[in-house]
């Protein structure tokens, strides 16, 4: 009889997503308690329950127990099954909230994943589907997950009523490659997508003009694309947003976005996006803040070799993630300043020894 793996134990509602992912990948059950126990509305929120249901569908044999009050959960992971899954996301969070954890799991499933999510495609809290399509998926390609990896945006859905639909297709891999990405390079081009649904289509062009007014001072190679959705495809609510990404000579990407708020003209939204992109570039590193956890996760799962990556200052979420990874996989990162000779540089080199994770779920062809 194999020894039962020890249970990971966490408290609090924050970082729920990456803790569930770590549990499923490491095969160790996880118990999370004190979920908003002091709140006047205690327990799990609807989107967190929905995420648990989605993970239950994507995997096979996962057992999830939620306490009566909803303030504690126990998840016993099964195998990552993949296949064709459709899920309706609640309107309290966008589909980006649900896609992020699934993207970490999908390459290790038994069958290639075809996931259709319906709901809000862009909101202020999570990564929008544009960023996931243009930045998150290319980060996966660094690790050798590339053939047939795509995200199709079938319909846009702005808050509050949503009505969007995206389809995520992910191939399976046996093992991920070791990453060695220490040269952030120089920014060589800026790309962007602006979309406006159920409002004057001119808004899209106004955002592009305003963003150009800031970015043209820095670099000539700017291409901002206006994405047009008509009729049914534009969802149920009006809204517009601008997503920008800067790509460097070595393929490092930094992204930023801003979305419509009531009573704010499109020009101001575009200026906000352009300035946050410049702030993101200034933070440096080869990976931007929103993707630190994804890249570190894949480095931990890499083949038994030392992976290295250069990043800006870690966010609070990344720091907690590093602690949780140490609990789940026993992997610790060596973090050293990237440029000790330059006192102004905040860049760090993260290096770790991969656990050599092999996809055992893969059906043998």
Protein backbone atom coordinates (compact mmCIF):
# COMPACT_ATOMS: atom_id res chain seq x y z
CA UNK A 1 0.00 0.00 0.00
CA UNK A 2 1.50 3.32 -1.06
CA UNK A 3 1.84 5.89 1.67
CA UNK A 4 -0.89 8.54 1.50
CA UNK A 5 0.56 11.93 0.57
CA UNK A 6 0.53 14.51 3.34
CA UNK A 7 -2.16 17.17 3.23
CA UNK A 8 -1.13 20.72 2.34
CA UNK A 9 -2.68 23.16 4.78
CA UNK A 10 -3.43 26.83 4.05
CA UNK A 11 -5.58 29.57 5.56
CA UNK A 12 -7.47 32.48 4.05
CA UNK A 13 -9.29 33.20 0.81
CA UNK A 14 -6.38 34.83 -1.00
CA UNK A 15 -4.28 32.91 -3.53
CA UNK A 16 -6.95 30.20 -3.69
CA UNK A 17 -6.33 29.55 -7.37
CA UNK A 18 -2.62 28.78 -7.32
CA UNK A 19 -2.99 26.66 -4.19
CA UNK A 20 -5.56 24.45 -5.90
CA UNK A 21 -3.28 24.18 -8.95
CA UNK A 22 -0.30 23.19 -6.79
CA UNK A 23 -2.42 20.54 -5.10
CA UNK A 24 -3.59 19.00 -8.38
CA UNK A 25 -0.12 19.04 -9.97
CA UNK A 26 1.69 17.65 -6.92
CA UNK A 27 -1.06 15.09 -6.26
CA UNK A 28 -1.27 16.16 -2.60
CA UNK A 29 -4.65 16.90 -1.01
CA UNK A 30 -5.11 20.49 0.14
CA UNK A 31 -7.12 21.85 3.03
CA UNK A 32 -7.88 25.57 3.06
CA UNK A 33 -9.66 26.96 6.10
CA UNK A 34 -10.60 30.36 7.58
CA UNK A 35 -12.02 31.45 4.21
CA UNK A 36 -13.41 34.90 5.07
CA UNK A 37 -14.37 33.59 8.53
CA UNK A 38 -14.51 37.13 9.98
CA UNK A 39 -16.47 38.60 7.07
CA UNK A 40 -20.10 39.56 7.52
CA UNK A 41 -20.74 37.36 4.51
CA UNK A 42 -18.44 34.41 5.35
CA UNK A 43 -17.27 31.55 3.16
CA UNK A 44 -16.61 30.99 -0.52
CA UNK A 45 -17.91 33.42 -3.14
CA UNK A 46 -19.90 32.21 -6.15
CA UNK A 47 -16.91 32.52 -8.51
CA UNK A 48 -14.71 30.42 -6.19
CA UNK A 49 -17.32 27.66 -6.06
CA UNK A 50 -17.59 27.92 -9.84
CA UNK A 51 -13.80 27.51 -10.14
CA UNK A 52 -13.96 24.37 -7.98
CA UNK A 53 -16.70 22.99 -10.24
CA UNK A 54 -14.58 23.75 -13.31
CA UNK A 55 -11.53 21.99 -11.84
CA UNK A 56 -13.78 19.05 -11.02
CA UNK A 57 -14.81 18.86 -14.69
CA UNK A 58 -11.31 19.25 -16.10
CA UNK A 59 -10.02 16.49 -13.80
CA UNK A 60 -11.24 12.97 -13.13
CA UNK A 61 -11.65 11.57 -9.62
CA UNK A 62 -11.16 14.86 -7.79
CA UNK A 63 -13.10 14.96 -4.53
CA UNK A 64 -14.05 18.38 -3.18
CA UNK A 65 -15.56 18.77 0.28
CA UNK A 66 -16.88 22.17 1.36
CA UNK A 67 -17.80 22.75 5.00
CA UNK A 68 -21.38 23.71 5.93
CA UNK A 69 -20.41 27.34 6.49
CA UNK A 70 -18.29 27.44 3.32
CA UNK A 71 -15.26 28.66 5.28
CA UNK A 72 -13.16 25.50 4.78
CA UNK A 73 -12.55 23.21 1.81
CA UNK A 74 -10.71 19.95 1.31
CA UNK A 75 -9.65 18.97 -2.20
CA UNK A 76 -8.31 15.50 -2.97
CA UNK A 77 -6.85 15.71 -6.46
CA UNK A 78 -7.55 13.21 -9.22
CA UNK A 79 -5.90 13.04 -12.64
CA UNK A 80 -6.12 15.89 -15.13
CA UNK A 81 -8.41 14.47 -17.80
CA UNK A 82 -8.80 17.25 -20.38
CA UNK A 83 -11.13 16.56 -23.29
CA UNK A 84 -14.05 18.78 -24.24
CA UNK A 85 -15.45 20.95 -21.43
CA UNK A 86 -18.01 23.78 -21.44
CA UNK A 87 -18.43 26.03 -18.44
CA UNK A 88 -20.60 29.06 -17.68
CA UNK A 89 -18.72 31.56 -15.53
CA UNK A 90 -20.63 33.72 -13.03
CA UNK A 91 -20.80 37.43 -13.82
CA UNK A 92 -18.87 38.41 -10.68
CA UNK A 93 -15.48 37.67 -12.33
CA UNK A 94 -14.26 37.53 -15.92
CA UNK A 95 -13.25 34.36 -17.76
CA UNK A 96 -9.57 35.32 -17.20
CA UNK A 97 -9.97 34.34 -13.53
CA UNK A 98 -10.90 30.80 -14.59
CA UNK A 99 -8.48 30.51 -17.50
CA UNK A 100 -5.32 31.33 -15.51
CA UNK A 101 -5.34 28.19 -13.31
CA UNK A 102 -6.54 25.99 -16.17
CA UNK A 103 -3.65 27.15 -18.40
CA UNK A 104 -1.18 25.84 -15.79
CA UNK A 105 -2.90 22.43 -15.70
CA UNK A 106 -3.87 21.91 -19.34
CA UNK A 107 -0.50 20.79 -20.82
CA UNK A 108 -0.42 17.86 -18.37
CA UNK A 109 -3.84 16.42 -19.09
CA UNK A 110 -4.68 13.00 -20.46
CA UNK A 111 -6.34 14.25 -23.63
CA UNK A 112 -5.87 17.67 -25.29
CA UNK A 113 -8.18 20.19 -23.63
CA UNK A 114 -10.94 21.99 -25.52
CA UNK A 115 -12.50 24.38 -23.06
CA UNK A 116 -15.36 26.73 -23.84
CA UNK A 117 -16.03 29.44 -21.26
CA UNK A 118 -18.97 31.84 -21.34
CA UNK A 119 -19.26 35.07 -19.38
CA UNK A 120 -17.44 38.41 -19.11
CA UNK A 121 -14.33 38.60 -21.30
CA UNK A 122 -12.72 41.79 -19.89
CA UNK A 123 -12.92 43.30 -16.43
CA UNK A 124 -10.72 45.29 -14.06
CA UNK A 125 -9.70 42.48 -11.72
CA UNK A 126 -8.28 39.76 -13.96
CA UNK A 127 -6.34 39.33 -17.16
CA UNK A 128 -8.51 40.01 -20.18
CA UNK A 129 -8.85 37.43 -22.93
CA UNK A 130 -6.72 39.65 -25.22
CA UNK A 131 -3.76 39.52 -22.85
CA UNK A 132 -4.16 35.78 -22.38
CA UNK A 133 -4.20 35.29 -26.15
CA UNK A 134 -1.32 37.61 -27.04
CA UNK A 135 0.96 37.35 -23.97
CA UNK A 136 0.12 34.40 -21.69
CA UNK A 137 0.06 31.76 -24.43
CA UNK A 138 3.42 32.89 -25.93
CA UNK A 139 4.87 32.47 -22.42
CA UNK A 140 3.76 28.83 -22.51
CA UNK A 141 5.54 28.46 -25.86
CA UNK A 142 8.83 29.23 -24.11
CA UNK A 143 8.36 25.89 -22.40
CA UNK A 144 7.68 23.92 -25.57
CA UNK A 145 3.88 23.91 -25.40
CA UNK A 146 3.08 25.27 -28.84
CA UNK A 147 1.46 23.02 -31.45
CA UNK A 148 -2.27 23.68 -31.50
CA UNK A 149 -2.21 26.09 -28.53
CA UNK A 150 -4.79 28.81 -29.14
CA UNK A 151 -7.52 30.94 -27.65
CA UNK A 152 -10.41 31.92 -29.87
CA UNK A 153 -12.58 34.85 -28.89
CA UNK A 154 -15.98 33.92 -30.32
CA UNK A 155 -17.98 36.70 -28.63
CA UNK A 156 -17.05 39.68 -26.51
CA UNK A 157 -18.79 40.21 -23.20
CA UNK A 158 -18.48 43.45 -21.23
CA UNK A 159 -19.59 43.77 -17.61
CA UNK A 160 -22.20 43.79 -16.08
CA UNK A 161 -24.16 41.35 -18.27
CA UNK A 162 -21.36 39.56 -20.12
CA UNK A 163 -22.51 37.32 -22.94
CA UNK A 164 -18.98 36.62 -24.20
CA UNK A 165 -17.60 33.26 -25.25
CA UNK A 166 -14.02 32.03 -25.64
CA UNK A 167 -12.59 28.70 -26.68
CA UNK A 168 -9.23 27.53 -25.31
CA UNK A 169 -7.39 24.72 -27.08
CA UNK A 170 -4.28 23.22 -25.50
CA UNK A 171 -2.08 20.32 -26.64
CA UNK A 172 -0.52 17.88 -24.18
CA UNK A 173 3.19 17.52 -23.52
CA UNK A 174 5.23 14.81 -21.88
CA UNK A 175 7.54 17.24 -20.15
CA UNK A 176 8.17 20.98 -20.22
CA UNK A 177 11.50 22.38 -21.35
CA UNK A 178 13.95 24.07 -19.01
CA UNK A 179 13.86 27.84 -19.32
CA UNK A 180 16.96 29.98 -19.55
CA UNK A 181 15.78 33.54 -20.11
CA UNK A 182 18.14 36.12 -18.65
CA UNK A 183 18.46 38.71 -21.40
CA UNK A 184 15.44 41.02 -21.52
CA UNK A 185 16.71 42.77 -24.69
CA UNK A 186 15.48 46.14 -25.93
CA UNK A 187 11.88 46.94 -26.79
CA UNK A 188 11.51 46.73 -30.55
CA UNK A 189 7.79 46.92 -31.21
CA UNK A 190 4.49 47.74 -29.60
CA UNK A 191 1.25 46.06 -30.61
CA UNK A 192 -2.24 46.69 -29.36
CA UNK A 193 -5.86 45.68 -29.71
CA UNK A 194 -8.68 48.09 -29.07
CA UNK A 195 -12.26 46.97 -29.09
CA UNK A 196 -15.55 48.77 -28.62
CA UNK A 197 -18.84 46.86 -28.39
CA UNK A 198 -22.34 48.30 -28.34
CA UNK A 199 -20.98 51.86 -28.39
CA UNK A 200 -20.02 54.21 -31.20
CA UNK A 201 -17.42 52.33 -33.30
CA UNK A 202 -15.46 55.58 -33.50
CA UNK A 203 -14.40 55.03 -29.86
CA UNK A 204 -11.92 52.41 -31.01
CA UNK A 205 -10.14 54.86 -33.30
CA UNK A 206 -10.16 57.58 -30.66
CA UNK A 207 -8.37 55.24 -28.23
CA UNK A 208 -5.80 54.34 -30.88
CA UNK A 209 -5.09 58.02 -31.67
CA UNK A 210 -4.63 58.89 -27.99
CA UNK A 211 -2.37 55.93 -27.27
CA UNK A 212 -0.21 56.82 -30.27
CA UNK A 213 0.21 60.36 -28.98
CA UNK A 214 2.09 58.95 -25.95
CA UNK A 215 3.88 55.95 -27.45
CA UNK A 216 5.10 57.57 -30.69
CA UNK A 217 7.72 59.50 -28.73
CA UNK A 218 9.54 56.28 -27.91
CA UNK A 219 9.41 53.92 -30.85
CA UNK A 220 8.19 54.10 -34.45
CA UNK A 221 7.04 50.48 -34.84
CA UNK A 222 3.57 50.71 -33.33
CA UNK A 223 0.61 48.84 -34.74
CA UNK A 224 -2.69 49.17 -32.92
CA UNK A 225 -5.45 47.02 -34.29
CA UNK A 226 -9.12 47.83 -34.01
CA UNK A 227 -11.13 44.69 -33.31
CA UNK A 228 -14.71 44.93 -34.53
CA UNK A 229 -17.58 42.79 -33.26
CA UNK A 230 -21.12 43.21 -34.58
CA UNK A 231 -24.55 42.11 -33.48
CA UNK A 232 -24.72 38.92 -31.43
CA UNK A 233 -20.94 38.66 -31.17
CA UNK A 234 -20.67 41.86 -29.18
CA UNK A 235 -22.30 40.50 -26.02
CA UNK A 236 -25.01 42.07 -23.90
CA UNK A 237 -23.42 45.21 -22.43
CA UNK A 238 -21.65 48.24 -23.89
CA UNK A 239 -17.94 48.65 -23.18
CA UNK A 240 -14.55 49.32 -24.70
CA UNK A 241 -10.96 48.55 -23.78
CA UNK A 242 -7.40 48.89 -25.02
CA UNK A 243 -4.77 46.18 -24.56
CA UNK A 244 -1.12 47.00 -25.30
CA UNK A 245 1.93 44.79 -25.43
CA UNK A 246 5.58 45.63 -25.98
CA UNK A 247 7.90 42.99 -27.37
CA UNK A 248 11.67 43.06 -27.04
CA UNK A 249 14.45 41.87 -29.34
CA UNK A 250 14.78 38.66 -27.30
CA UNK A 251 11.02 38.00 -27.17
CA UNK A 252 10.35 39.36 -23.68
CA UNK A 253 6.83 40.76 -23.37
CA UNK A 254 5.27 43.40 -21.18
CA UNK A 255 1.58 44.14 -21.27
CA UNK A 256 -0.94 46.61 -19.91
CA UNK A 257 -4.60 47.33 -20.44
CA UNK A 258 -7.33 49.71 -19.43
CA UNK A 259 -11.05 49.35 -19.82
CA UNK A 260 -14.01 51.67 -19.97
CA UNK A 261 -15.46 53.28 -16.88
CA UNK A 262 -18.75 55.19 -16.82
CA UNK A 263 -18.26 58.83 -17.73
CA UNK A 264 -14.59 58.53 -18.73
CA UNK A 265 -13.80 59.41 -22.36
CA UNK A 266 -11.96 56.84 -24.51
CA UNK A 267 -8.90 59.13 -24.74
CA UNK A 268 -8.32 58.93 -21.00
CA UNK A 269 -8.62 55.13 -21.05
CA UNK A 270 -5.99 54.99 -23.80
CA UNK A 271 -3.62 57.31 -21.92
CA UNK A 272 -4.02 55.18 -18.81
CA UNK A 273 -3.15 52.01 -20.77
CA UNK A 274 -0.16 53.64 -22.49
CA UNK A 275 1.26 54.97 -19.23
CA UNK A 276 0.81 51.70 -17.40
CA UNK A 277 2.62 49.94 -20.27
CA UNK A 278 5.56 52.33 -19.89
CA UNK A 279 5.54 51.75 -16.11
CA UNK A 280 5.55 47.99 -16.71
CA UNK A 281 8.52 48.25 -19.10
CA UNK A 282 10.36 50.37 -16.57
CA UNK A 283 10.04 47.61 -13.98
CA UNK A 284 12.26 45.57 -16.25
CA UNK A 285 12.85 41.85 -16.36
CA UNK A 286 12.07 39.39 -19.12
CA UNK A 287 8.62 38.54 -17.73
CA UNK A 288 6.00 41.06 -16.65
CA UNK A 289 4.31 41.13 -13.26
CA UNK A 290 1.10 39.33 -14.18
CA UNK A 291 2.95 36.31 -15.57
CA UNK A 292 5.55 35.77 -12.88
CA UNK A 293 3.62 32.95 -11.21
CA UNK A 294 2.94 31.10 -14.51
CA UNK A 295 6.61 31.18 -15.52
CA UNK A 296 7.87 30.18 -12.05
CA UNK A 297 5.36 27.31 -11.92
CA UNK A 298 6.58 25.96 -15.27
CA UNK A 299 10.21 26.36 -14.16
CA UNK A 300 9.50 24.21 -11.10
CA UNK A 301 7.93 21.52 -13.30
CA UNK A 302 10.83 21.65 -15.79
CA UNK A 303 13.23 18.80 -16.50
CA UNK A 304 15.86 18.01 -13.88
CA UNK A 305 18.12 20.89 -14.72
CA UNK A 306 18.64 24.44 -13.52
CA UNK A 307 16.17 26.92 -15.02
CA UNK A 308 16.95 30.63 -14.89
CA UNK A 309 14.78 33.65 -15.54
CA UNK A 310 15.23 37.38 -15.07
CA UNK A 311 12.32 39.32 -13.55
CA UNK A 312 11.54 42.65 -11.99
CA UNK A 313 10.58 42.91 -8.34
CA UNK A 314 8.25 40.08 -7.31
CA UNK A 315 4.66 41.02 -6.44
CA UNK A 316 3.06 40.00 -3.14
CA UNK A 317 1.27 37.23 -5.02
CA UNK A 318 4.55 35.91 -6.45
CA UNK A 319 6.23 35.93 -3.03
CA UNK A 320 3.39 33.91 -1.51
CA UNK A 321 3.47 31.58 -4.51
CA UNK A 322 7.18 30.87 -3.92
CA UNK A 323 6.37 29.92 -0.32
CA UNK A 324 3.52 27.65 -1.38
CA UNK A 325 5.68 25.96 -4.05
CA UNK A 326 8.21 25.14 -1.37
CA UNK A 327 5.44 23.48 0.67
CA UNK A 328 4.02 21.53 -2.27
CA UNK A 329 7.12 20.47 -4.22
CA UNK A 330 9.94 21.24 -1.78
CA UNK A 331 11.57 23.42 -4.44
CA UNK A 332 13.26 26.61 -3.32
CA UNK A 333 14.42 29.34 -5.69
CA UNK A 334 17.78 31.02 -5.59
CA UNK A 335 17.18 34.75 -6.05
CA UNK A 336 20.14 36.97 -6.89
CA UNK A 337 20.43 40.52 -8.21
CA UNK A 338 20.72 40.41 -12.01
CA UNK A 339 23.22 43.23 -12.18
CA UNK A 340 25.18 43.61 -8.93
CA UNK A 341 27.35 46.36 -10.45
CA UNK A 342 24.34 48.64 -11.08
CA UNK A 343 22.85 49.91 -7.78
CA UNK A 344 19.71 51.30 -9.50
CA UNK A 345 18.71 48.01 -11.11
CA UNK A 346 15.91 46.15 -9.30
CA UNK A 347 16.03 43.13 -11.63
CA UNK A 348 16.51 39.73 -10.05
CA UNK A 349 17.54 36.37 -11.45
CA UNK A 350 15.33 33.53 -10.24
CA UNK A 351 16.89 30.10 -10.61
CA UNK A 352 15.64 26.71 -9.51
CA UNK A 353 16.24 23.03 -10.08
CA UNK A 354 13.24 21.52 -11.87
CA UNK A 355 11.46 18.54 -10.34
CA UNK A 356 11.43 16.74 -13.70
CA UNK A 357 7.63 16.51 -13.73
CA UNK A 358 6.48 13.93 -16.29
CA UNK A 359 2.92 13.88 -17.54
CA UNK A 360 1.82 10.46 -16.32
CA UNK A 361 -1.81 11.11 -17.27
CA UNK A 362 -1.03 11.10 -20.98
CA UNK A 363 -2.84 8.31 -22.77
CA UNK A 364 -0.23 6.17 -24.49
CA UNK A 365 -0.67 6.48 -28.23
